Amino acid sequence: MSAAIEIRNLQKTYSKGLMRNPVSAICGVSLDVTEGEAFGFVGPNGAGKSSTIRIMMGLSRPTLGSVRLFGVDATAANARRRIGYVPEDPCLYDYLTPTEILEMGMQLHGVRPASPGAHRRRWLERLGLGEVAGAPIRSFSKGMTQRVAIAHALCIEPRLLVLDEPLSGLDPLGRRDVVEILSEYKKRGGTLFFTSHVLHDVERLADRFGLIHEGRIRSVSSPNELVGDEEIHLVRTSGSTPVSGMREESAGRWAGEVPRAQLWQRLAELRSAGHQLIEVRAALSLEAAFLRVTGQDCRPQPGN
């Protein structure tokens, strides 16, 4: 398979006002994403995810290094032809309607289906926007605006989807619908590059994850490799008595991540403490995965 995304020694440094020392947002990131792959780009806030994506989409220039999309340098306008992009906070022309936004996208990307109107309606209805297709976007909630941005990215028949927190602002039903749509896109051979803090919603989409922290790639691996041999389960209970290894989420409600080998022991302890079981499910905590992969202090060393 050929490469959809090639990132080589990418670096981005920002100067903030009168500060003497510039801030390095990206520190030598190198990645390859092949056509047809779903790649999850995950890490804490400020890790460099959005800065990397902005360079990919031509919204920012790298300090050093390069990004190529299907073999074309990302600084070239034609590199983004039929590449769907959804930023974390979509900024759409709020005086336009969803229909007009999709029509504009199709024209810009040269998408000419046999029935353009039917093509637009299909995506608007798929994203639950059929009844508001003619309403101005200024009247929409954040979640509805997010749906319009996703419909726009999909209606251009993208060969690559670049999504920065695509589930941000969506309600549970909206998250489920979008995950299903992205799963269908992946099954049809589409390429995904996405960020998310909600691994539970999207981990089933990713063939590989790239873990980034403070501008540096810490690991690139599959979901199974992240979990390793020690599968983690999330346990939620209600009760009044604290139990070791459980944290209180709210008054009388507790949660904890438990290795599979210790699950029955923890459940027995919770039962003895009078807790009522709410939920047990396999879980991959971003923080837990990060600590497992790095196994070290991730702060940059002096001189780096």
Protein backbone atom coordinates (compact mmCIF):
# COMPACT_ATOMS: atom_id res chain seq x y z
CA MET A 1 0.00 0.00 0.00
CA SER A 2 1.22 3.51 -0.81
CA ALA A 3 1.48 6.23 1.84
CA ALA A 4 -1.44 8.60 2.37
CA ILE A 5 0.51 10.65 4.92
CA GLU A 6 4.27 10.99 5.25
CA ILE A 7 5.57 13.13 8.11
CA ARG A 8 9.33 13.58 8.33
CA ASN A 9 11.18 15.21 11.25
CA LEU A 10 8.36 17.70 11.72
CA GLN A 11 9.14 20.60 14.03
CA LYS A 12 7.11 23.66 14.96
CA THR A 13 8.32 26.44 17.22
CA TYR A 14 6.22 29.37 18.38
CA SER A 15 7.47 32.68 19.73
CA LYS A 16 5.18 34.18 22.34
CA GLY A 17 5.40 37.96 22.54
CA LEU A 18 8.54 39.16 24.30
CA MET A 19 9.51 35.74 25.67
CA ARG A 20 13.17 35.04 25.14
CA ASN A 21 12.76 31.30 24.80
CA PRO A 22 10.47 30.07 22.00
CA VAL A 23 8.00 27.26 22.69
CA SER A 24 8.44 23.99 20.78
CA ALA A 25 5.04 22.50 19.99
CA ILE A 26 6.34 19.69 17.75
CA CYS A 27 9.79 18.14 18.23
CA GLY A 28 10.88 15.93 15.36
CA VAL A 29 7.71 13.95 14.66
CA SER A 30 7.94 11.30 11.94
CA LEU A 31 4.98 9.12 10.92
CA ASP A 32 3.65 7.12 7.98
CA VAL A 33 -0.03 6.36 7.43
CA THR A 34 -0.87 4.02 4.56
CA GLU A 35 -3.91 4.22 2.30
CA GLY A 36 -6.90 2.47 3.86
CA GLU A 37 -5.53 2.75 7.40
CA ALA A 38 -7.27 4.31 10.40
CA PHE A 39 -4.70 6.07 12.55
CA GLY A 40 -5.53 7.47 15.98
CA PHE A 41 -3.32 10.38 17.05
CA VAL A 42 -3.75 10.65 20.81
CA GLY A 43 -2.24 12.49 23.72
CA PRO A 44 -3.01 15.09 26.40
CA ASN A 45 -3.91 18.71 25.74
CA GLY A 46 -0.96 20.66 24.38
CA ALA A 47 0.82 17.54 23.15
CA GLY A 48 1.13 18.82 19.56
CA LYS A 49 -1.79 17.04 17.91
CA SER A 50 -3.63 20.08 16.55
CA SER A 51 -0.37 21.80 15.56
CA THR A 52 0.52 18.74 13.46
CA ILE A 53 -2.90 18.71 11.82
CA ARG A 54 -2.80 22.43 11.04
CA ILE A 55 0.47 21.88 9.18
CA MET A 56 -1.05 18.91 7.33
CA MET A 57 -3.95 21.09 6.22
CA GLY A 58 -1.80 24.01 5.10
CA LEU A 59 -3.01 26.29 7.90
CA SER A 60 0.47 26.60 9.40
CA ARG A 61 4.02 26.22 8.08
CA PRO A 62 6.55 23.93 9.78
CA THR A 63 9.69 25.34 11.31
CA LEU A 64 11.55 22.28 10.00
CA GLY A 65 10.61 19.01 8.38
CA SER A 66 7.86 18.16 5.93
CA VAL A 67 4.42 16.62 5.45
CA ARG A 68 3.34 14.93 2.23
CA LEU A 69 -0.23 13.88 1.42
CA PHE A 70 -0.42 11.17 -1.24
CA GLY A 71 3.07 12.18 -2.34
CA VAL A 72 2.36 15.93 -2.62
CA ASP A 73 3.91 18.44 -0.22
CA ALA A 74 1.25 19.74 2.17
CA THR A 75 2.24 23.35 1.42
CA ALA A 76 0.79 22.92 -2.09
CA ALA A 77 -2.92 23.77 -2.44
CA ASN A 78 -3.65 20.74 -4.61
CA ALA A 79 -2.37 18.44 -1.84
CA ARG A 80 -5.74 18.82 -0.09
CA ARG A 81 -7.96 18.01 -3.07
CA ARG A 82 -10.68 15.65 -1.81
CA ILE A 83 -9.31 15.55 1.71
CA GLY A 84 -12.06 16.01 4.27
CA TYR A 85 -11.10 18.05 7.33
CA VAL A 86 -13.04 18.66 10.53
CA PRO A 87 -11.31 20.88 13.13
CA GLU A 88 -12.17 20.66 16.81
CA ASP A 89 -14.18 23.89 16.62
CA PRO A 90 -15.52 24.21 13.05
CA CYS A 91 -15.81 27.81 11.88
CA LEU A 92 -18.48 27.77 9.17
CA TYR A 93 -20.08 30.71 7.38
CA ASP A 94 -23.01 31.05 9.75
CA TYR A 95 -25.24 32.89 7.26
CA LEU A 96 -25.17 29.86 4.94
CA THR A 97 -27.32 26.74 5.22
CA PRO A 98 -26.06 23.14 5.47
CA THR A 99 -27.13 22.59 1.86
CA GLU A 100 -25.08 25.58 0.71
CA ILE A 101 -22.04 24.50 2.75
CA LEU A 102 -22.08 21.05 1.14
CA GLU A 103 -22.69 22.49 -2.32
CA MET A 104 -19.69 24.80 -1.90
CA GLY A 105 -17.49 21.91 -0.77
CA MET A 106 -18.46 19.74 -3.70
CA GLN A 107 -17.66 22.53 -6.17
CA LEU A 108 -14.30 23.31 -4.57
CA HIS A 109 -13.24 19.65 -4.62
CA GLY A 110 -14.57 18.93 -8.10
CA VAL A 111 -17.10 16.32 -6.95
CA ARG A 112 -19.76 15.87 -9.64
CA PRO A 113 -22.13 12.98 -8.86
CA ALA A 114 -24.93 12.14 -11.27
CA SER A 115 -27.48 13.77 -8.93
CA PRO A 116 -25.77 16.47 -6.81
CA GLY A 117 -28.95 17.32 -4.92
CA ALA A 118 -29.60 13.72 -3.94
CA HIS A 119 -25.96 13.31 -2.96
CA ARG A 120 -26.13 16.31 -0.60
CA ARG A 121 -29.46 15.22 0.88
CA ARG A 122 -28.13 11.74 1.56
CA TRP A 123 -25.33 13.05 3.73
CA LEU A 124 -27.45 15.66 5.47
CA GLU A 125 -30.05 13.05 6.35
CA ARG A 126 -27.36 10.56 7.40
CA LEU A 127 -26.10 13.16 9.90
CA GLY A 128 -29.61 14.00 11.13
CA LEU A 129 -29.75 17.38 9.38
CA GLY A 130 -32.45 16.74 6.80
CA GLU A 131 -35.10 18.84 8.54
CA VAL A 132 -32.77 21.86 8.97
CA ALA A 133 -31.02 21.67 5.60
CA GLY A 134 -32.35 25.10 4.63
CA ALA A 135 -31.83 26.86 7.98
CA PRO A 136 -28.94 29.29 8.60
CA ILE A 137 -26.11 27.75 10.60
CA ARG A 138 -26.10 30.71 13.01
CA SER A 139 -29.19 29.17 14.61
CA PHE A 140 -27.47 25.81 15.28
CA SER A 141 -26.04 24.38 18.48
CA LYS A 142 -22.38 23.34 18.66
CA GLY A 143 -23.35 19.71 18.12
CA MET A 144 -25.42 20.51 15.02
CA THR A 145 -22.60 22.66 13.62
CA GLN A 146 -20.23 19.74 14.18
CA ARG A 147 -22.61 17.50 12.23
CA VAL A 148 -22.61 19.95 9.31
CA ALA A 149 -18.80 19.98 9.27
CA ILE A 150 -18.71 16.17 9.24
CA ALA A 151 -21.34 16.01 6.47
CA HIS A 152 -19.26 18.49 4.45
CA ALA A 153 -16.10 16.40 4.91
CA LEU A 154 -17.87 13.22 3.77
CA CYS A 155 -19.86 14.60 0.85
CA ILE A 156 -16.68 15.48 -1.08
CA GLU A 157 -16.02 11.71 -1.40
CA PRO A 158 -12.72 12.04 0.47
CA ARG A 159 -9.75 9.80 -0.07
CA LEU A 160 -8.55 10.91 3.38
CA LEU A 161 -10.45 12.16 6.43
CA VAL A 162 -8.52 14.32 8.91
CA LEU A 163 -10.55 14.77 12.07
CA ASP A 164 -9.50 16.77 15.14
CA GLU A 165 -11.74 15.68 18.04
CA PRO A 166 -14.65 14.78 15.71
CA LEU A 167 -16.92 13.77 18.62
CA SER A 168 -16.49 17.04 20.49
CA GLY A 169 -19.83 18.65 21.30
CA LEU A 170 -21.91 15.65 20.23
CA ASP A 171 -24.43 13.98 22.51
CA PRO A 172 -24.23 10.19 23.10
CA LEU A 173 -26.52 9.41 20.16
CA GLY A 174 -24.52 11.72 17.93
CA ARG A 175 -21.25 10.06 18.95
CA ARG A 176 -22.71 6.65 18.19
CA ASP A 177 -23.94 7.77 14.76
CA VAL A 178 -20.61 9.36 13.82
CA VAL A 179 -18.59 6.33 14.96
CA GLU A 180 -20.84 4.11 12.81
CA ILE A 181 -20.40 6.41 9.80
CA LEU A 182 -16.62 6.44 10.21
CA SER A 183 -16.61 2.67 10.57
CA GLU A 184 -18.50 2.37 7.28
CA TYR A 185 -16.07 4.79 5.62
CA LYS A 186 -13.16 2.68 6.83
CA LYS A 187 -14.76 -0.53 5.53
CA ARG A 188 -15.07 1.06 2.09
CA GLY A 189 -11.30 1.59 2.08
CA GLY A 190 -11.14 5.19 3.27
CA THR A 191 -8.13 6.52 5.18
CA LEU A 192 -8.64 8.08 8.62
CA PHE A 193 -6.34 10.29 10.67
CA PHE A 194 -8.06 11.42 13.86
CA THR A 195 -7.46 12.73 17.34
CA SER A 196 -9.62 12.01 20.35
CA HIS A 197 -9.57 12.03 24.13
CA VAL A 198 -12.45 9.53 24.20
CA LEU A 199 -10.75 6.22 23.41
CA HIS A 200 -13.82 4.23 24.43
CA ASP A 201 -15.76 5.72 21.50
CA VAL A 202 -13.09 5.41 18.82
CA GLU A 203 -10.60 2.70 19.75
CA ARG A 204 -12.46 0.19 17.58
CA LEU A 205 -11.78 2.38 14.54
CA ALA A 206 -8.01 2.60 14.79
CA ASP A 207 -5.62 0.11 13.23
CA ARG A 208 -2.79 1.91 15.04
CA PHE A 209 -2.37 4.60 17.65
CA GLY A 210 0.38 7.20 17.82
CA LEU A 211 0.94 8.45 21.38
CA ILE A 212 2.35 11.98 21.46
CA HIS A 213 3.44 13.93 24.51
CA GLU A 214 5.06 17.37 24.65
CA GLY A 215 5.66 17.34 20.92
CA ARG A 216 7.35 13.94 20.76
CA ILE A 217 6.05 10.59 19.55
CA ARG A 218 6.32 8.14 22.44
CA SER A 219 4.94 5.05 20.73
CA VAL A 220 3.17 3.85 17.60
CA SER A 221 1.31 0.60 18.12
CA SER A 222 -1.97 -1.26 17.63
CA PRO A 223 -4.74 -1.15 20.27
CA ASN A 224 -3.89 -4.70 21.32
CA GLU A 225 -0.24 -3.78 21.75
CA LEU A 226 -1.26 -0.81 23.90
CA VAL A 227 -3.29 -3.02 26.19
CA GLY A 228 -0.55 -5.67 26.30
CA ASP A 229 -0.97 -8.87 28.25
CA GLU A 230 -2.48 -7.05 31.20
CA GLU A 231 -6.04 -6.26 30.09
CA ILE A 232 -7.63 -3.47 32.12
CA HIS A 233 -11.27 -3.41 33.23
CA LEU A 234 -13.22 -0.37 34.36
CA VAL A 235 -15.34 -1.03 37.45
CA ARG A 236 -18.05 1.36 38.62
CA THR A 237 -20.02 0.93 41.84
CA SER A 238 -22.20 2.79 44.32
CA GLY A 239 -21.59 2.68 48.05
CA SER A 240 -20.67 4.68 51.12
CA THR A 241 -17.42 2.94 52.15
CA PRO A 242 -14.09 3.75 50.43
CA VAL A 243 -12.27 0.76 48.91
CA SER A 244 -8.58 0.75 48.05
CA GLY A 245 -7.99 1.36 44.35
CA MET A 246 -11.37 3.03 43.79
CA ARG A 247 -11.79 6.79 43.32
CA GLU A 248 -14.98 8.69 44.12
CA GLU A 249 -16.47 10.16 40.93
CA SER A 250 -19.38 11.79 42.74
CA ALA A 251 -21.17 11.39 46.05
CA GLY A 252 -21.51 7.65 46.63
CA ARG A 253 -20.30 6.63 43.16
CA TRP A 254 -16.89 5.03 42.65
CA ALA A 255 -14.70 4.00 39.71
CA GLY A 256 -11.41 2.18 39.29
CA GLU A 257 -9.24 0.54 36.61
CA VAL A 258 -8.44 -3.05 37.57
CA PRO A 259 -6.06 -5.53 35.84
CA ARG A 260 -7.88 -8.65 34.71
CA ALA A 261 -5.91 -10.86 37.09
CA GLN A 262 -7.15 -8.80 40.05
CA LEU A 263 -10.75 -8.34 38.93
CA TRP A 264 -12.42 -11.04 41.04
CA GLN A 265 -10.49 -9.99 44.13
CA ARG A 266 -11.55 -6.36 43.69
CA LEU A 267 -15.18 -7.35 43.15
CA ALA A 268 -15.09 -9.42 46.32
CA GLU A 269 -13.67 -6.46 48.27
CA LEU A 270 -16.38 -4.19 46.90
CA ARG A 271 -19.10 -6.67 47.80
CA SER A 272 -17.73 -7.00 51.35
CA ALA A 273 -17.81 -3.19 51.65
CA GLY A 274 -21.49 -3.17 50.71
CA HIS A 275 -21.07 -1.68 47.24
CA GLN A 276 -23.63 -2.19 44.48
CA LEU A 277 -22.17 -2.98 41.04
CA ILE A 278 -23.00 -0.50 38.28
CA GLU A 279 -20.68 -1.50 35.45
CA VAL A 280 -17.75 -3.72 34.51
CA ARG A 281 -16.21 -3.39 31.07
CA ALA A 282 -12.90 -3.66 29.30
CA ALA A 283 -11.23 -0.28 29.21
CA LEU A 284 -8.15 1.40 27.85
CA SER A 285 -7.37 4.51 29.85
CA LEU A 286 -5.36 7.05 27.86
CA GLU A 287 -3.36 7.90 30.96
CA ALA A 288 -2.77 4.23 31.82
CA ALA A 289 -1.73 3.44 28.24
CA PHE A 290 0.60 6.42 28.22
CA LEU A 291 2.33 5.39 31.43
CA ARG A 292 2.62 1.78 30.26
CA VAL A 293 4.24 2.79 26.97
CA THR A 294 6.65 5.43 28.25
CA GLY A 295 7.57 3.99 31.64
CA GLN A 296 9.50 7.17 32.29
CA ASP A 297 9.28 10.88 32.97
CA CYS A 298 8.14 12.40 29.67
CA ARG A 299 9.34 15.90 30.42
CA PRO A 300 11.93 17.17 27.94
CA GLN A 301 15.46 17.08 29.27
CA PRO A 302 17.59 20.25 29.51
CA GLY A 303 19.03 21.20 26.14
CA ASN A 304 16.29 19.41 24.12
